[in-house]
Protein backbone atom coordinates (compact mmCIF):
# COMPACT_ATOMS: atom_id res chain seq x y z
CA MET A 1 115.56 124.97 85.31
CA SER A 2 112.62 125.79 83.05
CA ASP A 3 112.89 128.08 79.95
CA VAL A 4 111.01 131.35 79.86
CA PHE A 5 109.85 130.63 76.57
CA ALA A 6 108.39 127.14 77.63
CA GLY A 7 104.38 126.66 77.31
CA LYS A 8 104.29 130.57 75.75
CA ILE A 9 102.67 131.28 72.74
CA ALA A 10 104.46 133.12 69.87
CA ILE A 11 104.01 134.62 66.59
CA VAL A 12 107.27 134.85 64.46
CA THR A 13 106.70 136.95 61.12
CA GLY A 14 109.33 136.50 58.43
CA GLY A 15 109.73 132.90 60.15
CA THR A 16 110.26 130.90 57.27
CA SER A 17 113.84 131.88 56.44
CA GLY A 18 116.89 133.84 57.71
CA ILE A 19 116.84 135.24 61.05
CA GLY A 20 112.89 134.45 61.75
CA TYR A 21 113.59 130.88 60.80
CA ALA A 22 116.28 130.48 63.36
CA VAL A 23 114.28 132.24 65.91
CA SER A 24 111.31 130.27 65.33
CA GLU A 25 113.41 126.83 65.72
CA GLU A 26 114.82 128.38 68.89
CA LEU A 27 111.78 128.93 70.21
CA LEU A 28 110.19 125.58 69.14
CA LYS A 29 113.53 124.02 71.00
CA ARG A 30 112.63 125.94 74.10
CA GLY A 31 109.36 124.81 74.25
CA ALA A 32 106.98 127.43 72.76
CA THR A 33 104.23 126.86 70.73
CA VAL A 34 105.25 129.00 67.56
CA TRP A 35 102.99 130.12 64.69
CA VAL A 36 105.85 130.33 61.98
CA ILE A 37 104.56 133.15 59.54
CA GLY A 38 105.72 133.41 55.90
CA SER A 39 104.54 135.80 53.25
CA ARG A 40 104.25 132.88 50.37
CA GLN A 41 102.44 129.57 50.87
CA GLU A 42 105.66 127.86 49.20
CA SER A 43 107.95 129.04 51.82
CA VAL A 44 105.43 128.05 54.50
CA GLU A 45 105.39 124.52 52.94
CA LYS A 46 109.00 124.13 53.07
CA ALA A 47 109.27 125.57 56.56
CA LYS A 48 106.57 122.87 57.55
CA ALA A 49 108.57 119.91 56.18
CA SER A 50 111.69 121.10 58.00
CA PHE A 51 109.80 121.46 61.48
CA THR A 52 107.86 118.17 61.27
CA ALA A 53 109.66 116.93 64.58
CA TYR A 54 107.57 119.81 66.42
CA THR A 55 104.20 119.04 67.37
CA ASN A 56 104.23 122.88 68.98
CA ALA A 57 104.85 124.42 65.53
CA ARG A 58 101.79 126.17 63.80
CA PHE A 59 101.93 127.73 60.11
CA ALA A 60 100.53 130.15 58.02
CA ALA A 61 101.05 132.33 55.04
CA VAL A 62 100.34 135.98 55.62
CA ASP A 63 101.38 139.16 53.69
CA VAL A 64 102.33 141.57 56.73
CA THR A 65 101.52 144.59 54.30
CA VAL A 66 97.98 143.71 54.28
CA ALA A 67 96.13 145.06 57.55
CA ASP A 68 93.31 142.47 57.38
CA GLN A 69 95.75 139.50 56.93
CA VAL A 70 97.48 140.64 60.12
CA LYS A 71 94.61 140.77 61.96
CA GLY A 72 93.60 137.54 60.89
CA MET A 73 96.87 136.11 61.80
CA ILE A 74 96.46 137.59 65.36
CA ASP A 75 92.80 136.59 65.55
CA THR A 76 93.50 133.10 64.66
CA CYS A 77 96.35 132.39 66.95
CA VAL A 78 94.46 133.58 69.98
CA ARG A 79 91.32 131.64 68.95
CA GLU A 80 93.17 128.44 68.65
CA ASP A 81 95.74 129.09 71.62
CA GLY A 82 94.03 131.15 73.65
CA ARG A 83 96.66 133.74 74.01
CA LEU A 84 99.55 135.40 72.57
CA ASP A 85 102.46 135.96 74.93
CA TYR A 86 105.10 136.85 72.32
CA LEU A 87 105.15 138.71 68.61
CA PHE A 88 108.11 138.91 66.72
CA ASN A 89 107.61 141.35 64.06
CA ASN A 90 110.48 140.34 61.88
CA ALA A 91 109.49 140.33 58.23
CA GLY A 92 111.30 142.72 56.37
CA ILE A 93 113.82 143.48 53.40
CA GLY A 94 117.30 144.99 53.15
CA MET A 95 118.00 147.91 50.81
CA THR A 96 121.54 149.04 50.30
CA HIS A 97 121.62 150.94 47.18
CA PRO A 98 123.10 154.52 46.04
CA SER A 99 120.33 156.99 46.97
CA GLY A 100 120.41 158.87 43.57
CA TYR A 101 118.93 155.79 41.85
CA LEU A 102 116.30 155.05 44.22
CA THR A 103 112.68 155.11 42.75
CA LEU A 104 109.59 155.76 44.61
CA ASP A 105 108.28 152.21 44.23
CA MET A 106 111.19 151.28 46.13
CA TRP A 107 110.74 153.64 48.95
CA LYS A 108 106.98 152.43 49.00
CA LYS A 109 108.09 148.66 49.22
CA ALA A 110 110.36 148.97 51.96
CA ILE A 111 108.11 151.17 53.99
CA ASP A 112 105.02 149.06 53.78
CA LEU A 113 107.03 145.95 54.78
CA ASN A 114 109.59 147.14 57.45
CA LEU A 115 107.55 149.91 58.79
CA TRP A 116 103.68 149.14 58.29
CA GLY A 117 104.25 145.65 58.60
CA VAL A 118 105.36 146.20 62.21
CA ILE A 119 102.81 148.85 62.72
CA TYR A 120 99.78 146.44 61.77
CA GLY A 121 101.42 143.77 64.26
CA ILE A 122 101.55 145.91 67.11
CA HIS A 123 98.03 147.65 66.31
CA TYR A 124 96.35 144.12 66.44
CA ALA A 125 98.55 142.40 69.11
CA LEU A 126 98.30 145.18 71.78
CA PRO A 127 94.53 145.16 72.59
CA VAL A 128 95.09 141.24 73.08
CA MET A 129 98.20 141.57 75.39
CA LEU A 130 96.41 144.65 77.37
CA ALA A 131 93.79 142.34 78.11
CA GLN A 132 95.85 139.51 79.36
CA LYS A 133 97.82 142.21 81.19
CA SER A 134 101.01 140.85 79.86
CA GLY A 135 102.73 140.29 76.62
CA HIS A 136 106.24 141.01 74.68
CA ILE A 137 106.40 142.75 71.36
CA VAL A 138 109.83 142.12 69.65
CA ASN A 139 110.37 144.48 66.55
CA THR A 140 113.40 143.56 64.41
CA SER A 141 115.28 146.98 63.51
CA SER A 142 119.02 146.74 62.32
CA ILE A 143 122.38 148.30 63.24
CA ALA A 144 120.85 150.67 60.51
CA GLY A 145 118.35 151.69 62.79
CA ILE A 146 120.76 153.26 65.22
CA LEU A 147 123.47 154.13 63.06
CA PRO A 148 123.09 156.14 60.03
CA LEU A 149 125.12 153.98 57.26
CA PRO A 150 125.50 155.68 54.13
CA SER A 151 123.65 154.08 50.80
CA GLN A 152 121.04 152.58 53.28
CA ALA A 153 118.88 155.93 53.36
CA VAL A 154 115.69 154.01 52.46
CA TYR A 155 116.51 150.89 55.11
CA CYS A 156 117.91 153.59 57.91
CA ALA A 157 114.50 155.57 57.31
CA THR A 158 112.31 152.32 58.01
CA LYS A 159 114.52 151.04 60.75
CA TYR A 160 114.97 154.18 62.57
CA ALA A 161 111.22 154.63 62.76
CA VAL A 162 111.00 150.95 64.12
CA SER A 163 113.67 151.77 66.90
CA GLY A 164 112.09 154.87 67.92
CA MET A 165 108.63 153.71 67.83
CA THR A 166 109.72 150.72 70.11
CA GLU A 167 111.39 152.49 72.38
CA SER A 168 108.38 154.79 73.01
CA LEU A 169 105.96 152.24 73.23
CA ARG A 170 108.26 150.15 75.80
CA TYR A 171 108.16 153.18 78.25
CA GLU A 172 104.20 154.04 77.48
CA PHE A 173 102.99 150.50 78.37
CA ALA A 174 105.30 149.48 80.95
CA GLU A 175 102.91 149.96 83.76
CA ALA A 176 100.68 147.78 81.59
CA GLY A 177 102.69 144.80 81.76
CA ILE A 178 103.74 144.86 78.19
CA VAL A 179 107.38 144.56 77.09
CA PHE A 180 108.77 145.99 74.00
CA THR A 181 112.24 144.88 72.67
CA SER A 182 113.85 146.10 69.57
CA ILE A 183 116.57 143.52 67.53
CA CYS A 184 119.52 145.72 66.22
CA PRO A 185 121.41 143.03 64.19
CA ALA A 186 124.64 143.74 61.90
CA ASN A 187 125.35 141.32 59.08
CA VAL A 188 124.00 137.70 59.76
CA ALA A 189 124.56 135.17 57.28
CA THR A 190 121.15 134.93 55.40
CA ALA A 191 119.99 135.20 51.97
CA ILE A 192 119.04 138.70 52.21
CA PHE A 193 122.31 139.52 50.67
CA GLY A 194 121.25 137.65 47.45
CA LYS A 195 123.83 137.31 44.65
CA ALA A 196 126.06 140.01 46.52
CA GLY A 197 127.52 137.35 48.48
CA VAL A 198 127.54 137.20 52.43
CA PRO A 199 130.30 139.62 54.14
CA LYS A 200 132.76 137.62 56.07
CA GLU A 201 132.01 139.12 59.16
CA ALA A 202 128.56 138.09 59.13
CA ILE A 203 127.40 135.35 62.17
CA PRO A 204 125.29 132.41 61.48
CA ALA A 205 121.68 132.88 61.94
CA GLU A 206 121.34 130.16 64.57
CA GLU A 207 124.01 132.18 66.71
CA ALA A 208 121.99 135.34 66.05
CA ALA A 209 118.66 133.41 67.27
CA ARG A 210 120.31 132.49 70.47
CA THR A 211 121.50 135.87 71.38
CA ILE A 212 118.11 137.34 70.29
CA LEU A 213 116.09 135.29 72.65
CA ASP A 214 118.52 135.46 75.38
CA GLY A 215 118.09 139.22 75.30
CA VAL A 216 114.19 138.91 75.02
CA ALA A 217 114.28 136.61 78.16
CA LYS A 218 115.91 139.18 79.83
CA LYS A 219 113.38 141.96 78.60
CA GLU A 220 116.17 143.97 77.23
CA ALA A 221 114.86 147.26 75.55
CA CYS A 222 117.53 146.74 72.71
CA VAL A 223 119.64 143.72 71.73
CA ILE A 224 122.60 144.49 69.58
CA LEU A 225 124.36 141.82 67.66
CA PRO A 226 127.05 140.83 67.22
CA ALA A 227 129.47 141.54 69.87
CA PHE A 228 131.68 143.91 67.50
CA ALA A 229 128.55 145.58 66.57
CA GLU A 230 127.35 146.51 69.99
CA GLN A 231 131.15 147.78 70.80
CA LEU A 232 131.19 149.92 67.44
CA TYR A 233 127.91 151.50 68.32
CA GLU A 234 128.90 152.19 71.91
CA ARG A 235 132.17 153.87 70.38
CA LEU A 236 130.44 156.14 67.93
CA ALA A 237 127.51 156.69 70.02
CA ASN A 238 129.85 158.48 72.84
CA ASP A 239 132.19 160.13 70.20
CA PRO A 240 130.43 162.46 67.60
CA VAL A 241 133.97 163.33 66.30
CA LEU A 242 135.01 159.72 65.43
CA LYS A 243 131.28 158.86 64.25
CA GLU A 244 131.97 161.57 61.60
CA LYS A 245 135.06 160.34 60.65
CA PHE A 246 133.99 156.82 60.42
CA MET A 247 130.69 157.70 58.60
CA LEU A 248 132.62 159.73 55.77
CA GLU A 249 135.07 157.27 55.23
CA TYR A 250 132.79 154.49 55.08
CA ALA A 251 130.80 156.47 52.54
CA ARG A 252 133.86 157.00 50.27
CA ARG A 253 134.40 153.58 50.05
CA ARG A 254 130.68 152.49 49.44
CA ASN A 255 130.61 155.22 46.68
CA GLU A 256 133.74 153.90 45.27
CA GLY A 257 132.35 150.71 45.26
CA TRP A 258 129.33 151.38 43.40
CA ARG A 259 131.26 153.42 40.80
CA SER A 260 133.61 150.21 40.36
CA GLY A 261 130.65 148.08 40.04
CA VAL A 262 131.38 146.00 43.16
CA ALA A 263 128.99 146.50 46.10
CA TYR A 264 130.50 147.24 49.16
CA LEU A 265 128.21 145.62 52.20
CA GLY A 266 130.42 144.39 55.04
CA ILE A 267 131.99 146.54 57.47
CA PRO A 268 135.89 146.64 56.71
CA GLU A 269 138.03 145.23 59.75
CA ASP A 270 140.58 148.09 59.58
CA MET A 271 137.75 150.49 60.22
CA LEU A 272 136.52 148.83 63.26
CA ASP A 273 139.52 150.12 65.09
CA MET A 274 139.58 153.45 63.53
CA GLN A 275 140.57 156.23 66.09
CA ARG A 276 139.93 160.03 66.11
């Protein structure tokens, strides 16, 4: 049985590291031609060296916060490969920080990359897909794009916007044959955590990539991962009283962590089974 991605043309932004790298590799394994996009030429060269076994890999350095560069990315893909079947708007940055210490520059940096980078991708890919009468745009949101996690106000603002925009576009363009999917991961073991360290509940990026592509293949509206995050979301979404209790306790622990100088990034195991 052939894979749905075999022979397809895909672009993955943020494709040289983390989830994007794992998604790029899994797409390549499944037979897609993949444009692996990184923000820096250095990261692109490293990915190119890693993917030498794949003749179906393409590479480009693109700053997705610059509209003209995103347009050039889409135009080059279509010119060289004839079409664009999948766009994975994956490039982004995390930001967990006490909101009282946020600067306007921090807000702007997150919005430019996490939101405008997605908007530019959609803006330039959508006309191509409409002309083809087919295509699938996959936008990386976050569990923080569907749950209001404390100390992540900037991140939530950008990711809630991505989730809402993606869902709206999914319905608007369904009759035109264009599919939209949002990806809402909880913690995945990537370099996004930096010196703070990877939370123990984080799943490997390779596992995340397989889950993401399985959901995309099924044209799901929203892929929440891993399983504990999906279960947590469903519990809290269906029980506002529990959600309030959970978020207040999570905020208390995170605030205490900031005061003590120890960042509290993971989701505590004892809170996953919290009752009303």
